[in-house]
């Protein structure tokens, strides 16, 4: 699903299935779509989805982090 969304947005996806699973392995039970679930995100949004540029974060933290990045870049 993440790869399909990245493709839809025109974002480069360089993660293999094995790399994606390895990133998720320590957090597997936290995956999901709920408010308390965790999700995969890129460290640097301008770079591709690759092993060195992804991390797992609590879903509620992603909005806060995105707002911080926009402020840092003078976009908010």
Protein backbone atom coordinates (compact mmCIF):
# COMPACT_ATOMS: atom_id res chain seq x y z
CA UNK A 1 0.00 0.00 0.00
CA UNK A 2 2.79 2.46 0.90
CA UNK A 3 4.48 1.82 -2.43
CA UNK A 4 1.21 2.39 -4.30
CA UNK A 5 0.63 5.70 -2.47
CA UNK A 6 4.21 6.80 -3.20
CA UNK A 7 3.72 5.96 -6.88
CA UNK A 8 0.42 7.88 -6.94
CA UNK A 9 2.18 10.94 -5.47
CA UNK A 10 5.06 10.63 -7.94
CA UNK A 11 7.59 9.81 -5.20
CA UNK A 12 10.54 7.53 -5.93
CA UNK A 13 10.27 4.14 -4.20
CA UNK A 14 13.52 2.19 -3.82
CA UNK A 15 12.62 -0.12 -0.91
CA UNK A 16 12.53 -3.82 -1.64
CA UNK A 17 9.91 -5.93 0.10
CA UNK A 18 12.63 -7.39 2.34
CA UNK A 19 13.91 -3.94 3.33
CA UNK A 20 10.38 -2.73 4.05
CA UNK A 21 9.77 -5.73 6.29
CA UNK A 22 13.11 -5.26 8.10
CA UNK A 23 12.21 -1.64 8.86
CA UNK A 24 8.86 -2.75 10.28
CA UNK A 25 10.05 -5.89 12.10
CA UNK A 26 10.67 -4.26 15.54
CA UNK A 27 7.36 -2.39 15.34
CA UNK A 28 5.17 -4.98 13.61
CA UNK A 29 2.50 -5.10 16.31
CA UNK A 30 2.14 -1.30 16.16
CA UNK A 31 1.17 -1.16 12.46
CA UNK A 32 -2.31 -0.06 11.47
CA UNK A 33 -4.60 2.78 10.57
CA UNK A 34 -5.80 3.68 14.03
CA UNK A 35 -4.98 6.79 16.01
CA UNK A 36 -2.47 4.96 18.20
CA UNK A 37 -0.86 3.07 15.31
CA UNK A 38 2.58 3.74 13.89
CA UNK A 39 3.48 4.46 10.25
CA UNK A 40 6.47 4.57 7.96
CA UNK A 41 7.72 7.99 6.93
CA UNK A 42 10.70 9.53 5.17
CA UNK A 43 13.35 11.45 7.08
CA UNK A 44 13.85 13.83 4.17
CA UNK A 45 10.73 14.32 2.09
CA UNK A 46 12.62 15.42 -1.02
CA UNK A 47 14.49 12.09 -1.21
CA UNK A 48 13.28 8.65 -2.31
CA UNK A 49 11.70 6.03 -0.11
CA UNK A 50 14.86 4.00 0.53
CA UNK A 51 16.32 2.08 3.48
CA UNK A 52 18.46 5.00 4.66
CA UNK A 53 15.64 7.54 4.42
CA UNK A 54 12.74 5.86 6.22
CA UNK A 55 11.79 5.46 9.85
CA UNK A 56 8.80 4.37 11.90
CA UNK A 57 6.90 6.98 13.91
CA UNK A 58 3.68 7.11 15.91
CA UNK A 59 0.93 8.27 13.55
CA UNK A 60 -0.04 11.24 15.76
CA UNK A 61 3.59 12.51 15.67
CA UNK A 62 3.67 12.75 11.89
CA UNK A 63 1.35 15.78 11.77
CA UNK A 64 3.39 17.57 14.43
CA UNK A 65 6.64 16.79 12.63
CA UNK A 66 5.22 17.94 9.28
CA UNK A 67 4.14 21.26 10.78
CA UNK A 68 7.63 21.74 12.24
CA UNK A 69 9.24 21.10 8.85
CA UNK A 70 6.93 23.57 7.12
CA UNK A 71 7.77 26.25 9.69
CA UNK A 72 11.50 25.59 9.32
CA UNK A 73 11.19 26.04 5.57
CA UNK A 74 9.08 29.17 5.93
CA UNK A 75 6.04 27.53 4.39
CA UNK A 76 3.64 27.88 7.31
